[in-house]
PDBML (XML) file of the C-alpha atoms, coordinates in Angstrom:
<?xml version="1.0" encoding="UTF-8" ?>
<PDBx:datablock datablockName="MODEL"
   xmlns:PDBx="http://pdbml.pdb.org/schema/pdbx-v50.xsd"
   xmlns:xsi="http://www.w3.org/2001/XMLSchema-instance"
   xsi:schemaLocation="http://pdbml.pdb.org/schema/pdbx-v50.xsd pdbx-v50.xsd">
   <PDBx:atom_siteCategory>
      <PDBx:atom_site id="1">
         <PDBx:B_iso_or_equiv>0.00</PDBx:B_iso_or_equiv>
         <PDBx:Cartn_x>1.272</PDBx:Cartn_x>
         <PDBx:Cartn_y>11.058</PDBx:Cartn_y>
         <PDBx:Cartn_z>10.966</PDBx:Cartn_z>
         <PDBx:auth_asym_id>A</PDBx:auth_asym_id>
         <PDBx:auth_atom_id>CA</PDBx:auth_atom_id>
         <PDBx:auth_comp_id>GLY</PDBx:auth_comp_id>
         <PDBx:auth_seq_id>1</PDBx:auth_seq_id>
         <PDBx:group_PDB>ATOM</PDBx:group_PDB>
         <PDBx:label_alt_id xsi:nil="true" />
         <PDBx:label_asym_id>A</PDBx:label_asym_id>
         <PDBx:label_atom_id>CA</PDBx:label_atom_id>
         <PDBx:label_comp_id>GLY</PDBx:label_comp_id>
         <PDBx:label_entity_id>1</PDBx:label_entity_id>
         <PDBx:label_seq_id>1</PDBx:label_seq_id>
         <PDBx:occupancy>1.00</PDBx:occupancy>
         <PDBx:pdbx_PDB_model_num>1</PDBx:pdbx_PDB_model_num>
         <PDBx:type_symbol>C</PDBx:type_symbol>
      </PDBx:atom_site>
      <PDBx:atom_site id="2">
         <PDBx:B_iso_or_equiv>0.00</PDBx:B_iso_or_equiv>
         <PDBx:Cartn_x>3.791</PDBx:Cartn_x>
         <PDBx:Cartn_y>8.956</PDBx:Cartn_y>
         <PDBx:Cartn_z>9.169</PDBx:Cartn_z>
         <PDBx:auth_asym_id>A</PDBx:auth_asym_id>
         <PDBx:auth_atom_id>CA</PDBx:auth_atom_id>
         <PDBx:auth_comp_id>LEU</PDBx:auth_comp_id>
         <PDBx:auth_seq_id>2</PDBx:auth_seq_id>
         <PDBx:group_PDB>ATOM</PDBx:group_PDB>
         <PDBx:label_alt_id xsi:nil="true" />
         <PDBx:label_asym_id>A</PDBx:label_asym_id>
         <PDBx:label_atom_id>CA</PDBx:label_atom_id>
         <PDBx:label_comp_id>LEU</PDBx:label_comp_id>
         <PDBx:label_entity_id>1</PDBx:label_entity_id>
         <PDBx:label_seq_id>2</PDBx:label_seq_id>
         <PDBx:occupancy>1.00</PDBx:occupancy>
         <PDBx:pdbx_PDB_model_num>1</PDBx:pdbx_PDB_model_num>
         <PDBx:type_symbol>C</PDBx:type_symbol>
      </PDBx:atom_site>
      <PDBx:atom_site id="3">
         <PDBx:B_iso_or_equiv>0.00</PDBx:B_iso_or_equiv>
         <PDBx:Cartn_x>3.543</PDBx:Cartn_x>
         <PDBx:Cartn_y>5.363</PDBx:Cartn_y>
         <PDBx:Cartn_z>8.574</PDBx:Cartn_z>
         <PDBx:auth_asym_id>A</PDBx:auth_asym_id>
         <PDBx:auth_atom_id>CA</PDBx:auth_atom_id>
         <PDBx:auth_comp_id>ILE</PDBx:auth_comp_id>
         <PDBx:auth_seq_id>3</PDBx:auth_seq_id>
         <PDBx:group_PDB>ATOM</PDBx:group_PDB>
         <PDBx:label_alt_id xsi:nil="true" />
         <PDBx:label_asym_id>A</PDBx:label_asym_id>
         <PDBx:label_atom_id>CA</PDBx:label_atom_id>
         <PDBx:label_comp_id>ILE</PDBx:label_comp_id>
         <PDBx:label_entity_id>1</PDBx:label_entity_id>
         <PDBx:label_seq_id>3</PDBx:label_seq_id>
         <PDBx:occupancy>1.00</PDBx:occupancy>
         <PDBx:pdbx_PDB_model_num>1</PDBx:pdbx_PDB_model_num>
         <PDBx:type_symbol>C</PDBx:type_symbol>
      </PDBx:atom_site>
      <PDBx:atom_site id="4">
         <PDBx:B_iso_or_equiv>0.00</PDBx:B_iso_or_equiv>
         <PDBx:Cartn_x>5.953</PDBx:Cartn_x>
         <PDBx:Cartn_y>2.789</PDBx:Cartn_y>
         <PDBx:Cartn_z>7.171</PDBx:Cartn_z>
         <PDBx:auth_asym_id>A</PDBx:auth_asym_id>
         <PDBx:auth_atom_id>CA</PDBx:auth_atom_id>
         <PDBx:auth_comp_id>ILE</PDBx:auth_comp_id>
         <PDBx:auth_seq_id>4</PDBx:auth_seq_id>
         <PDBx:group_PDB>ATOM</PDBx:group_PDB>
         <PDBx:label_alt_id xsi:nil="true" />
         <PDBx:label_asym_id>A</PDBx:label_asym_id>
         <PDBx:label_atom_id>CA</PDBx:label_atom_id>
         <PDBx:label_comp_id>ILE</PDBx:label_comp_id>
         <PDBx:label_entity_id>1</PDBx:label_entity_id>
         <PDBx:label_seq_id>4</PDBx:label_seq_id>
         <PDBx:occupancy>1.00</PDBx:occupancy>
         <PDBx:pdbx_PDB_model_num>1</PDBx:pdbx_PDB_model_num>
         <PDBx:type_symbol>C</PDBx:type_symbol>
      </PDBx:atom_site>
      <PDBx:atom_site id="5">
         <PDBx:B_iso_or_equiv>0.00</PDBx:B_iso_or_equiv>
         <PDBx:Cartn_x>4.407</PDBx:Cartn_x>
         <PDBx:Cartn_y>-0.135</PDBx:Cartn_y>
         <PDBx:Cartn_z>4.672</PDBx:Cartn_z>
         <PDBx:auth_asym_id>A</PDBx:auth_asym_id>
         <PDBx:auth_atom_id>CA</PDBx:auth_atom_id>
         <PDBx:auth_comp_id>ILE</PDBx:auth_comp_id>
         <PDBx:auth_seq_id>5</PDBx:auth_seq_id>
         <PDBx:group_PDB>ATOM</PDBx:group_PDB>
         <PDBx:label_alt_id xsi:nil="true" />
         <PDBx:label_asym_id>A</PDBx:label_asym_id>
         <PDBx:label_atom_id>CA</PDBx:label_atom_id>
         <PDBx:label_comp_id>ILE</PDBx:label_comp_id>
         <PDBx:label_entity_id>1</PDBx:label_entity_id>
         <PDBx:label_seq_id>5</PDBx:label_seq_id>
         <PDBx:occupancy>1.00</PDBx:occupancy>
         <PDBx:pdbx_PDB_model_num>1</PDBx:pdbx_PDB_model_num>
         <PDBx:type_symbol>C</PDBx:type_symbol>
      </PDBx:atom_site>
      <PDBx:atom_site id="6">
         <PDBx:B_iso_or_equiv>0.00</PDBx:B_iso_or_equiv>
         <PDBx:Cartn_x>6.298</PDBx:Cartn_x>
         <PDBx:Cartn_y>-3.272</PDBx:Cartn_y>
         <PDBx:Cartn_z>3.620</PDBx:Cartn_z>
         <PDBx:auth_asym_id>A</PDBx:auth_asym_id>
         <PDBx:auth_atom_id>CA</PDBx:auth_atom_id>
         <PDBx:auth_comp_id>ARG</PDBx:auth_comp_id>
         <PDBx:auth_seq_id>6</PDBx:auth_seq_id>
         <PDBx:group_PDB>ATOM</PDBx:group_PDB>
         <PDBx:label_alt_id xsi:nil="true" />
         <PDBx:label_asym_id>A</PDBx:label_asym_id>
         <PDBx:label_atom_id>CA</PDBx:label_atom_id>
         <PDBx:label_comp_id>ARG</PDBx:label_comp_id>
         <PDBx:label_entity_id>1</PDBx:label_entity_id>
         <PDBx:label_seq_id>6</PDBx:label_seq_id>
         <PDBx:occupancy>1.00</PDBx:occupancy>
         <PDBx:pdbx_PDB_model_num>1</PDBx:pdbx_PDB_model_num>
         <PDBx:type_symbol>C</PDBx:type_symbol>
      </PDBx:atom_site>
      <PDBx:atom_site id="7">
         <PDBx:B_iso_or_equiv>0.00</PDBx:B_iso_or_equiv>
         <PDBx:Cartn_x>7.477</PDBx:Cartn_x>
         <PDBx:Cartn_y>-3.133</PDBx:Cartn_y>
         <PDBx:Cartn_z>-0.045</PDBx:Cartn_z>
         <PDBx:auth_asym_id>A</PDBx:auth_asym_id>
         <PDBx:auth_atom_id>CA</PDBx:auth_atom_id>
         <PDBx:auth_comp_id>TYR</PDBx:auth_comp_id>
         <PDBx:auth_seq_id>7</PDBx:auth_seq_id>
         <PDBx:group_PDB>ATOM</PDBx:group_PDB>
         <PDBx:label_alt_id xsi:nil="true" />
         <PDBx:label_asym_id>A</PDBx:label_asym_id>
         <PDBx:label_atom_id>CA</PDBx:label_atom_id>
         <PDBx:label_comp_id>TYR</PDBx:label_comp_id>
         <PDBx:label_entity_id>1</PDBx:label_entity_id>
         <PDBx:label_seq_id>7</PDBx:label_seq_id>
         <PDBx:occupancy>1.00</PDBx:occupancy>
         <PDBx:pdbx_PDB_model_num>1</PDBx:pdbx_PDB_model_num>
         <PDBx:type_symbol>C</PDBx:type_symbol>
      </PDBx:atom_site>
      <PDBx:atom_site id="8">
         <PDBx:B_iso_or_equiv>0.00</PDBx:B_iso_or_equiv>
         <PDBx:Cartn_x>5.455</PDBx:Cartn_x>
         <PDBx:Cartn_y>-6.023</PDBx:Cartn_y>
         <PDBx:Cartn_z>-0.826</PDBx:Cartn_z>
         <PDBx:auth_asym_id>A</PDBx:auth_asym_id>
         <PDBx:auth_atom_id>CA</PDBx:auth_atom_id>
         <PDBx:auth_comp_id>VAL</PDBx:auth_comp_id>
         <PDBx:auth_seq_id>8</PDBx:auth_seq_id>
         <PDBx:group_PDB>ATOM</PDBx:group_PDB>
         <PDBx:label_alt_id xsi:nil="true" />
         <PDBx:label_asym_id>A</PDBx:label_asym_id>
         <PDBx:label_atom_id>CA</PDBx:label_atom_id>
         <PDBx:label_comp_id>VAL</PDBx:label_comp_id>
         <PDBx:label_entity_id>1</PDBx:label_entity_id>
         <PDBx:label_seq_id>8</PDBx:label_seq_id>
         <PDBx:occupancy>1.00</PDBx:occupancy>
         <PDBx:pdbx_PDB_model_num>1</PDBx:pdbx_PDB_model_num>
         <PDBx:type_symbol>C</PDBx:type_symbol>
      </PDBx:atom_site>
      <PDBx:atom_site id="9">
         <PDBx:B_iso_or_equiv>0.00</PDBx:B_iso_or_equiv>
         <PDBx:Cartn_x>2.241</PDBx:Cartn_x>
         <PDBx:Cartn_y>-4.247</PDBx:Cartn_y>
         <PDBx:Cartn_z>0.000</PDBx:Cartn_z>
         <PDBx:auth_asym_id>A</PDBx:auth_asym_id>
         <PDBx:auth_atom_id>CA</PDBx:auth_atom_id>
         <PDBx:auth_comp_id>ASP</PDBx:auth_comp_id>
         <PDBx:auth_seq_id>9</PDBx:auth_seq_id>
         <PDBx:group_PDB>ATOM</PDBx:group_PDB>
         <PDBx:label_alt_id xsi:nil="true" />
         <PDBx:label_asym_id>A</PDBx:label_asym_id>
         <PDBx:label_atom_id>CA</PDBx:label_atom_id>
         <PDBx:label_comp_id>ASP</PDBx:label_comp_id>
         <PDBx:label_entity_id>1</PDBx:label_entity_id>
         <PDBx:label_seq_id>9</PDBx:label_seq_id>
         <PDBx:occupancy>1.00</PDBx:occupancy>
         <PDBx:pdbx_PDB_model_num>1</PDBx:pdbx_PDB_model_num>
         <PDBx:type_symbol>C</PDBx:type_symbol>
      </PDBx:atom_site>
      <PDBx:atom_site id="10">
         <PDBx:B_iso_or_equiv>0.00</PDBx:B_iso_or_equiv>
         <PDBx:Cartn_x>3.405</PDBx:Cartn_x>
         <PDBx:Cartn_y>-1.398</PDBx:Cartn_y>
         <PDBx:Cartn_z>-1.772</PDBx:Cartn_z>
         <PDBx:auth_asym_id>A</PDBx:auth_asym_id>
         <PDBx:auth_atom_id>CA</PDBx:auth_atom_id>
         <PDBx:auth_comp_id>CYS</PDBx:auth_comp_id>
         <PDBx:auth_seq_id>10</PDBx:auth_seq_id>
         <PDBx:group_PDB>ATOM</PDBx:group_PDB>
         <PDBx:label_alt_id xsi:nil="true" />
         <PDBx:label_asym_id>A</PDBx:label_asym_id>
         <PDBx:label_atom_id>CA</PDBx:label_atom_id>
         <PDBx:label_comp_id>CYS</PDBx:label_comp_id>
         <PDBx:label_entity_id>1</PDBx:label_entity_id>
         <PDBx:label_seq_id>10</PDBx:label_seq_id>
         <PDBx:occupancy>1.00</PDBx:occupancy>
         <PDBx:pdbx_PDB_model_num>1</PDBx:pdbx_PDB_model_num>
         <PDBx:type_symbol>C</PDBx:type_symbol>
      </PDBx:atom_site>
      <PDBx:atom_site id="11">
         <PDBx:B_iso_or_equiv>0.00</PDBx:B_iso_or_equiv>
         <PDBx:Cartn_x>3.965</PDBx:Cartn_x>
         <PDBx:Cartn_y>-3.572</PDBx:Cartn_y>
         <PDBx:Cartn_z>-4.971</PDBx:Cartn_z>
         <PDBx:auth_asym_id>A</PDBx:auth_asym_id>
         <PDBx:auth_atom_id>CA</PDBx:auth_atom_id>
         <PDBx:auth_comp_id>ILE</PDBx:auth_comp_id>
         <PDBx:auth_seq_id>11</PDBx:auth_seq_id>
         <PDBx:group_PDB>ATOM</PDBx:group_PDB>
         <PDBx:label_alt_id xsi:nil="true" />
         <PDBx:label_asym_id>A</PDBx:label_asym_id>
         <PDBx:label_atom_id>CA</PDBx:label_atom_id>
         <PDBx:label_comp_id>ILE</PDBx:label_comp_id>
         <PDBx:label_entity_id>1</PDBx:label_entity_id>
         <PDBx:label_seq_id>11</PDBx:label_seq_id>
         <PDBx:occupancy>1.00</PDBx:occupancy>
         <PDBx:pdbx_PDB_model_num>1</PDBx:pdbx_PDB_model_num>
         <PDBx:type_symbol>C</PDBx:type_symbol>
      </PDBx:atom_site>
      <PDBx:atom_site id="12">
         <PDBx:B_iso_or_equiv>0.00</PDBx:B_iso_or_equiv>
         <PDBx:Cartn_x>0.465</PDBx:Cartn_x>
         <PDBx:Cartn_y>-5.317</PDBx:Cartn_y>
         <PDBx:Cartn_z>-4.482</PDBx:Cartn_z>
         <PDBx:auth_asym_id>A</PDBx:auth_asym_id>
         <PDBx:auth_atom_id>CA</PDBx:auth_atom_id>
         <PDBx:auth_comp_id>VAL</PDBx:auth_comp_id>
         <PDBx:auth_seq_id>12</PDBx:auth_seq_id>
         <PDBx:group_PDB>ATOM</PDBx:group_PDB>
         <PDBx:label_alt_id xsi:nil="true" />
         <PDBx:label_asym_id>A</PDBx:label_asym_id>
         <PDBx:label_atom_id>CA</PDBx:label_atom_id>
         <PDBx:label_comp_id>VAL</PDBx:label_comp_id>
         <PDBx:label_entity_id>1</PDBx:label_entity_id>
         <PDBx:label_seq_id>12</PDBx:label_seq_id>
         <PDBx:occupancy>1.00</PDBx:occupancy>
         <PDBx:pdbx_PDB_model_num>1</PDBx:pdbx_PDB_model_num>
         <PDBx:type_symbol>C</PDBx:type_symbol>
      </PDBx:atom_site>
      <PDBx:atom_site id="13">
         <PDBx:B_iso_or_equiv>0.00</PDBx:B_iso_or_equiv>
         <PDBx:Cartn_x>-1.167</PDBx:Cartn_x>
         <PDBx:Cartn_y>-1.749</PDBx:Cartn_y>
         <PDBx:Cartn_z>-4.800</PDBx:Cartn_z>
         <PDBx:auth_asym_id>A</PDBx:auth_asym_id>
         <PDBx:auth_atom_id>CA</PDBx:auth_atom_id>
         <PDBx:auth_comp_id>HIS</PDBx:auth_comp_id>
         <PDBx:auth_seq_id>13</PDBx:auth_seq_id>
         <PDBx:group_PDB>ATOM</PDBx:group_PDB>
         <PDBx:label_alt_id xsi:nil="true" />
         <PDBx:label_asym_id>A</PDBx:label_asym_id>
         <PDBx:label_atom_id>CA</PDBx:label_atom_id>
         <PDBx:label_comp_id>HIS</PDBx:label_comp_id>
         <PDBx:label_entity_id>1</PDBx:label_entity_id>
         <PDBx:label_seq_id>13</PDBx:label_seq_id>
         <PDBx:occupancy>1.00</PDBx:occupancy>
         <PDBx:pdbx_PDB_model_num>1</PDBx:pdbx_PDB_model_num>
         <PDBx:type_symbol>C</PDBx:type_symbol>
      </PDBx:atom_site>
      <PDBx:atom_site id="14">
         <PDBx:B_iso_or_equiv>0.00</PDBx:B_iso_or_equiv>
         <PDBx:Cartn_x>0.771</PDBx:Cartn_x>
         <PDBx:Cartn_y>0.034</PDBx:Cartn_y>
         <PDBx:Cartn_z>-6.961</PDBx:Cartn_z>
         <PDBx:auth_asym_id>A</PDBx:auth_asym_id>
         <PDBx:auth_atom_id>CA</PDBx:auth_atom_id>
         <PDBx:auth_comp_id>ARG</PDBx:auth_comp_id>
         <PDBx:auth_seq_id>14</PDBx:auth_seq_id>
         <PDBx:group_PDB>ATOM</PDBx:group_PDB>
         <PDBx:label_alt_id xsi:nil="true" />
         <PDBx:label_asym_id>A</PDBx:label_asym_id>
         <PDBx:label_atom_id>CA</PDBx:label_atom_id>
         <PDBx:label_comp_id>ARG</PDBx:label_comp_id>
         <PDBx:label_entity_id>1</PDBx:label_entity_id>
         <PDBx:label_seq_id>14</PDBx:label_seq_id>
         <PDBx:occupancy>1.00</PDBx:occupancy>
         <PDBx:pdbx_PDB_model_num>1</PDBx:pdbx_PDB_model_num>
         <PDBx:type_symbol>C</PDBx:type_symbol>
      </PDBx:atom_site>
      <PDBx:atom_site id="15">
         <PDBx:B_iso_or_equiv>0.00</PDBx:B_iso_or_equiv>
         <PDBx:Cartn_x>2.073</PDBx:Cartn_x>
         <PDBx:Cartn_y>-2.439</PDBx:Cartn_y>
         <PDBx:Cartn_z>-9.385</PDBx:Cartn_z>
         <PDBx:auth_asym_id>A</PDBx:auth_asym_id>
         <PDBx:auth_atom_id>CA</PDBx:auth_atom_id>
         <PDBx:auth_comp_id>ILE</PDBx:auth_comp_id>
         <PDBx:auth_seq_id>15</PDBx:auth_seq_id>
         <PDBx:group_PDB>ATOM</PDBx:group_PDB>
         <PDBx:label_alt_id xsi:nil="true" />
         <PDBx:label_asym_id>A</PDBx:label_asym_id>
         <PDBx:label_atom_id>CA</PDBx:label_atom_id>
         <PDBx:label_comp_id>ILE</PDBx:label_comp_id>
         <PDBx:label_entity_id>1</PDBx:label_entity_id>
         <PDBx:label_seq_id>15</PDBx:label_seq_id>
         <PDBx:occupancy>1.00</PDBx:occupancy>
         <PDBx:pdbx_PDB_model_num>1</PDBx:pdbx_PDB_model_num>
         <PDBx:type_symbol>C</PDBx:type_symbol>
      </PDBx:atom_site>
      <PDBx:atom_site id="16">
         <PDBx:B_iso_or_equiv>0.00</PDBx:B_iso_or_equiv>
         <PDBx:Cartn_x>-0.446</PDBx:Cartn_x>
         <PDBx:Cartn_y>-5.114</PDBx:Cartn_y>
         <PDBx:Cartn_z>-9.449</PDBx:Cartn_z>
         <PDBx:auth_asym_id>A</PDBx:auth_asym_id>
         <PDBx:auth_atom_id>CA</PDBx:auth_atom_id>
         <PDBx:auth_comp_id>PHE</PDBx:auth_comp_id>
         <PDBx:auth_seq_id>16</PDBx:auth_seq_id>
         <PDBx:group_PDB>ATOM</PDBx:group_PDB>
         <PDBx:label_alt_id xsi:nil="true" />
         <PDBx:label_asym_id>A</PDBx:label_asym_id>
         <PDBx:label_atom_id>CA</PDBx:label_atom_id>
         <PDBx:label_comp_id>PHE</PDBx:label_comp_id>
         <PDBx:label_entity_id>1</PDBx:label_entity_id>
         <PDBx:label_seq_id>16</PDBx:label_seq_id>
         <PDBx:occupancy>1.00</PDBx:occupancy>
         <PDBx:pdbx_PDB_model_num>1</PDBx:pdbx_PDB_model_num>
         <PDBx:type_symbol>C</PDBx:type_symbol>
      </PDBx:atom_site>
      <PDBx:atom_site id="17">
         <PDBx:B_iso_or_equiv>0.00</PDBx:B_iso_or_equiv>
         <PDBx:Cartn_x>-3.222</PDBx:Cartn_x>
         <PDBx:Cartn_y>-2.736</PDBx:Cartn_y>
         <PDBx:Cartn_z>-9.057</PDBx:Cartn_z>
         <PDBx:auth_asym_id>A</PDBx:auth_asym_id>
         <PDBx:auth_atom_id>CA</PDBx:auth_atom_id>
         <PDBx:auth_comp_id>GLY</PDBx:auth_comp_id>
         <PDBx:auth_seq_id>17</PDBx:auth_seq_id>
         <PDBx:group_PDB>ATOM</PDBx:group_PDB>
         <PDBx:label_alt_id xsi:nil="true" />
         <PDBx:label_asym_id>A</PDBx:label_asym_id>
         <PDBx:label_atom_id>CA</PDBx:label_atom_id>
         <PDBx:label_comp_id>GLY</PDBx:label_comp_id>
         <PDBx:label_entity_id>1</PDBx:label_entity_id>
         <PDBx:label_seq_id>17</PDBx:label_seq_id>
         <PDBx:occupancy>1.00</PDBx:occupancy>
         <PDBx:pdbx_PDB_model_num>1</PDBx:pdbx_PDB_model_num>
         <PDBx:type_symbol>C</PDBx:type_symbol>
      </PDBx:atom_site>
      <PDBx:atom_site id="18">
         <PDBx:B_iso_or_equiv>0.00</PDBx:B_iso_or_equiv>
         <PDBx:Cartn_x>-5.124</PDBx:Cartn_x>
         <PDBx:Cartn_y>-4.610</PDBx:Cartn_y>
         <PDBx:Cartn_z>-5.949</PDBx:Cartn_z>
         <PDBx:auth_asym_id>A</PDBx:auth_asym_id>
         <PDBx:auth_atom_id>CA</PDBx:auth_atom_id>
         <PDBx:auth_comp_id>VAL</PDBx:auth_comp_id>
         <PDBx:auth_seq_id>18</PDBx:auth_seq_id>
         <PDBx:group_PDB>ATOM</PDBx:group_PDB>
         <PDBx:label_alt_id xsi:nil="true" />
         <PDBx:label_asym_id>A</PDBx:label_asym_id>
         <PDBx:label_atom_id>CA</PDBx:label_atom_id>
         <PDBx:label_comp_id>VAL</PDBx:label_comp_id>
         <PDBx:label_entity_id>1</PDBx:label_entity_id>
         <PDBx:label_seq_id>18</PDBx:label_seq_id>
         <PDBx:occupancy>1.00</PDBx:occupancy>
         <PDBx:pdbx_PDB_model_num>1</PDBx:pdbx_PDB_model_num>
         <PDBx:type_symbol>C</PDBx:type_symbol>
      </PDBx:atom_site>
      <PDBx:atom_site id="19">
         <PDBx:B_iso_or_equiv>0.00</PDBx:B_iso_or_equiv>
         <PDBx:Cartn_x>-7.293</PDBx:Cartn_x>
         <PDBx:Cartn_y>-2.299</PDBx:Cartn_y>
         <PDBx:Cartn_z>-4.171</PDBx:Cartn_z>
         <PDBx:auth_asym_id>A</PDBx:auth_asym_id>
         <PDBx:auth_atom_id>CA</PDBx:auth_atom_id>
         <PDBx:auth_comp_id>ALA</PDBx:auth_comp_id>
         <PDBx:auth_seq_id>19</PDBx:auth_seq_id>
         <PDBx:group_PDB>ATOM</PDBx:group_PDB>
         <PDBx:label_alt_id xsi:nil="true" />
         <PDBx:label_asym_id>A</PDBx:label_asym_id>
         <PDBx:label_atom_id>CA</PDBx:label_atom_id>
         <PDBx:label_comp_id>ALA</PDBx:label_comp_id>
         <PDBx:label_entity_id>1</PDBx:label_entity_id>
         <PDBx:label_seq_id>19</PDBx:label_seq_id>
         <PDBx:occupancy>1.00</PDBx:occupancy>
         <PDBx:pdbx_PDB_model_num>1</PDBx:pdbx_PDB_model_num>
         <PDBx:type_symbol>C</PDBx:type_symbol>
      </PDBx:atom_site>
      <PDBx:atom_site id="20">
         <PDBx:B_iso_or_equiv>0.00</PDBx:B_iso_or_equiv>
         <PDBx:Cartn_x>-6.137</PDBx:Cartn_x>
         <PDBx:Cartn_y>-0.987</PDBx:Cartn_y>
         <PDBx:Cartn_z>-0.775</PDBx:Cartn_z>
         <PDBx:auth_asym_id>A</PDBx:auth_asym_id>
         <PDBx:auth_atom_id>CA</PDBx:auth_atom_id>
         <PDBx:auth_comp_id>TYR</PDBx:auth_comp_id>
         <PDBx:auth_seq_id>20</PDBx:auth_seq_id>
         <PDBx:group_PDB>ATOM</PDBx:group_PDB>
         <PDBx:label_alt_id xsi:nil="true" />
         <PDBx:label_asym_id>A</PDBx:label_asym_id>
         <PDBx:label_atom_id>CA</PDBx:label_atom_id>
         <PDBx:label_comp_id>TYR</PDBx:label_comp_id>
         <PDBx:label_entity_id>1</PDBx:label_entity_id>
         <PDBx:label_seq_id>20</PDBx:label_seq_id>
         <PDBx:occupancy>1.00</PDBx:occupancy>
         <PDBx:pdbx_PDB_model_num>1</PDBx:pdbx_PDB_model_num>
         <PDBx:type_symbol>C</PDBx:type_symbol>
      </PDBx:atom_site>
      <PDBx:atom_site id="21">
         <PDBx:B_iso_or_equiv>0.00</PDBx:B_iso_or_equiv>
         <PDBx:Cartn_x>-8.178</PDBx:Cartn_x>
         <PDBx:Cartn_y>-0.939</PDBx:Cartn_y>
         <PDBx:Cartn_z>2.017</PDBx:Cartn_z>
         <PDBx:auth_asym_id>A</PDBx:auth_asym_id>
         <PDBx:auth_atom_id>CA</PDBx:auth_atom_id>
         <PDBx:auth_comp_id>ASP</PDBx:auth_comp_id>
         <PDBx:auth_seq_id>21</PDBx:auth_seq_id>
         <PDBx:group_PDB>ATOM</PDBx:group_PDB>
         <PDBx:label_alt_id xsi:nil="true" />
         <PDBx:label_asym_id>A</PDBx:label_asym_id>
         <PDBx:label_atom_id>CA</PDBx:label_atom_id>
         <PDBx:label_comp_id>ASP</PDBx:label_comp_id>
         <PDBx:label_entity_id>1</PDBx:label_entity_id>
         <PDBx:label_seq_id>21</PDBx:label_seq_id>
         <PDBx:occupancy>1.00</PDBx:occupancy>
         <PDBx:pdbx_PDB_model_num>1</PDBx:pdbx_PDB_model_num>
         <PDBx:type_symbol>C</PDBx:type_symbol>
      </PDBx:atom_site>
      <PDBx:atom_site id="22">
         <PDBx:B_iso_or_equiv>0.00</PDBx:B_iso_or_equiv>
         <PDBx:Cartn_x>-5.806</PDBx:Cartn_x>
         <PDBx:Cartn_y>0.561</PDBx:Cartn_y>
         <PDBx:Cartn_z>4.808</PDBx:Cartn_z>
         <PDBx:auth_asym_id>A</PDBx:auth_asym_id>
         <PDBx:auth_atom_id>CA</PDBx:auth_atom_id>
         <PDBx:auth_comp_id>GLY</PDBx:auth_comp_id>
         <PDBx:auth_seq_id>22</PDBx:auth_seq_id>
         <PDBx:group_PDB>ATOM</PDBx:group_PDB>
         <PDBx:label_alt_id xsi:nil="true" />
         <PDBx:label_asym_id>A</PDBx:label_asym_id>
         <PDBx:label_atom_id>CA</PDBx:label_atom_id>
         <PDBx:label_comp_id>GLY</PDBx:label_comp_id>
         <PDBx:label_entity_id>1</PDBx:label_entity_id>
         <PDBx:label_seq_id>22</PDBx:label_seq_id>
         <PDBx:occupancy>1.00</PDBx:occupancy>
         <PDBx:pdbx_PDB_model_num>1</PDBx:pdbx_PDB_model_num>
         <PDBx:type_symbol>C</PDBx:type_symbol>
      </PDBx:atom_site>
      <PDBx:atom_site id="23">
         <PDBx:B_iso_or_equiv>0.00</PDBx:B_iso_or_equiv>
         <PDBx:Cartn_x>-5.230</PDBx:Cartn_x>
         <PDBx:Cartn_y>4.186</PDBx:Cartn_y>
         <PDBx:Cartn_z>5.965</PDBx:Cartn_z>
         <PDBx:auth_asym_id>A</PDBx:auth_asym_id>
         <PDBx:auth_atom_id>CA</PDBx:auth_atom_id>
         <PDBx:auth_comp_id>PRO</PDBx:auth_comp_id>
         <PDBx:auth_seq_id>23</PDBx:auth_seq_id>
         <PDBx:group_PDB>ATOM</PDBx:group_PDB>
         <PDBx:label_alt_id xsi:nil="true" />
         <PDBx:label_asym_id>A</PDBx:label_asym_id>
         <PDBx:label_atom_id>CA</PDBx:label_atom_id>
         <PDBx:label_comp_id>PRO</PDBx:label_comp_id>
         <PDBx:label_entity_id>1</PDBx:label_entity_id>
         <PDBx:label_seq_id>23</PDBx:label_seq_id>
         <PDBx:occupancy>1.00</PDBx:occupancy>
         <PDBx:pdbx_PDB_model_num>1</PDBx:pdbx_PDB_model_num>
         <PDBx:type_symbol>C</PDBx:type_symbol>
      </PDBx:atom_site>
      <PDBx:atom_site id="24">
         <PDBx:B_iso_or_equiv>0.00</PDBx:B_iso_or_equiv>
         <PDBx:Cartn_x>-5.924</PDBx:Cartn_x>
         <PDBx:Cartn_y>6.978</PDBx:Cartn_y>
         <PDBx:Cartn_z>3.320</PDBx:Cartn_z>
         <PDBx:auth_asym_id>A</PDBx:auth_asym_id>
         <PDBx:auth_atom_id>CA</PDBx:auth_atom_id>
         <PDBx:auth_comp_id>LYS</PDBx:auth_comp_id>
         <PDBx:auth_seq_id>24</PDBx:auth_seq_id>
         <PDBx:group_PDB>ATOM</PDBx:group_PDB>
         <PDBx:label_alt_id xsi:nil="true" />
         <PDBx:label_asym_id>A</PDBx:label_asym_id>
         <PDBx:label_atom_id>CA</PDBx:label_atom_id>
         <PDBx:label_comp_id>LYS</PDBx:label_comp_id>
         <PDBx:label_entity_id>1</PDBx:label_entity_id>
         <PDBx:label_seq_id>24</PDBx:label_seq_id>
         <PDBx:occupancy>1.00</PDBx:occupancy>
         <PDBx:pdbx_PDB_model_num>1</PDBx:pdbx_PDB_model_num>
         <PDBx:type_symbol>C</PDBx:type_symbol>
      </PDBx:atom_site>
      <PDBx:atom_site id="25">
         <PDBx:B_iso_or_equiv>0.00</PDBx:B_iso_or_equiv>
         <PDBx:Cartn_x>-2.587</PDBx:Cartn_x>
         <PDBx:Cartn_y>8.046</PDBx:Cartn_y>
         <PDBx:Cartn_z>2.361</PDBx:Cartn_z>
         <PDBx:auth_asym_id>A</PDBx:auth_asym_id>
         <PDBx:auth_atom_id>CA</PDBx:auth_atom_id>
         <PDBx:auth_comp_id>MET</PDBx:auth_comp_id>
         <PDBx:auth_seq_id>25</PDBx:auth_seq_id>
         <PDBx:group_PDB>ATOM</PDBx:group_PDB>
         <PDBx:label_alt_id xsi:nil="true" />
         <PDBx:label_asym_id>A</PDBx:label_asym_id>
         <PDBx:label_atom_id>CA</PDBx:label_atom_id>
         <PDBx:label_comp_id>MET</PDBx:label_comp_id>
         <PDBx:label_entity_id>1</PDBx:label_entity_id>
         <PDBx:label_seq_id>25</PDBx:label_seq_id>
         <PDBx:occupancy>1.00</PDBx:occupancy>
         <PDBx:pdbx_PDB_model_num>1</PDBx:pdbx_PDB_model_num>
         <PDBx:type_symbol>C</PDBx:type_symbol>
      </PDBx:atom_site>
   </PDBx:atom_siteCategory>
</PDBx:datablock>
């Protein structure tokens, strides 16, 4: 389904390169 993530979490993952351990998207 569709999910929404906080922008802060997107930045941590995409801009800072922190590994993401949530649902595969």
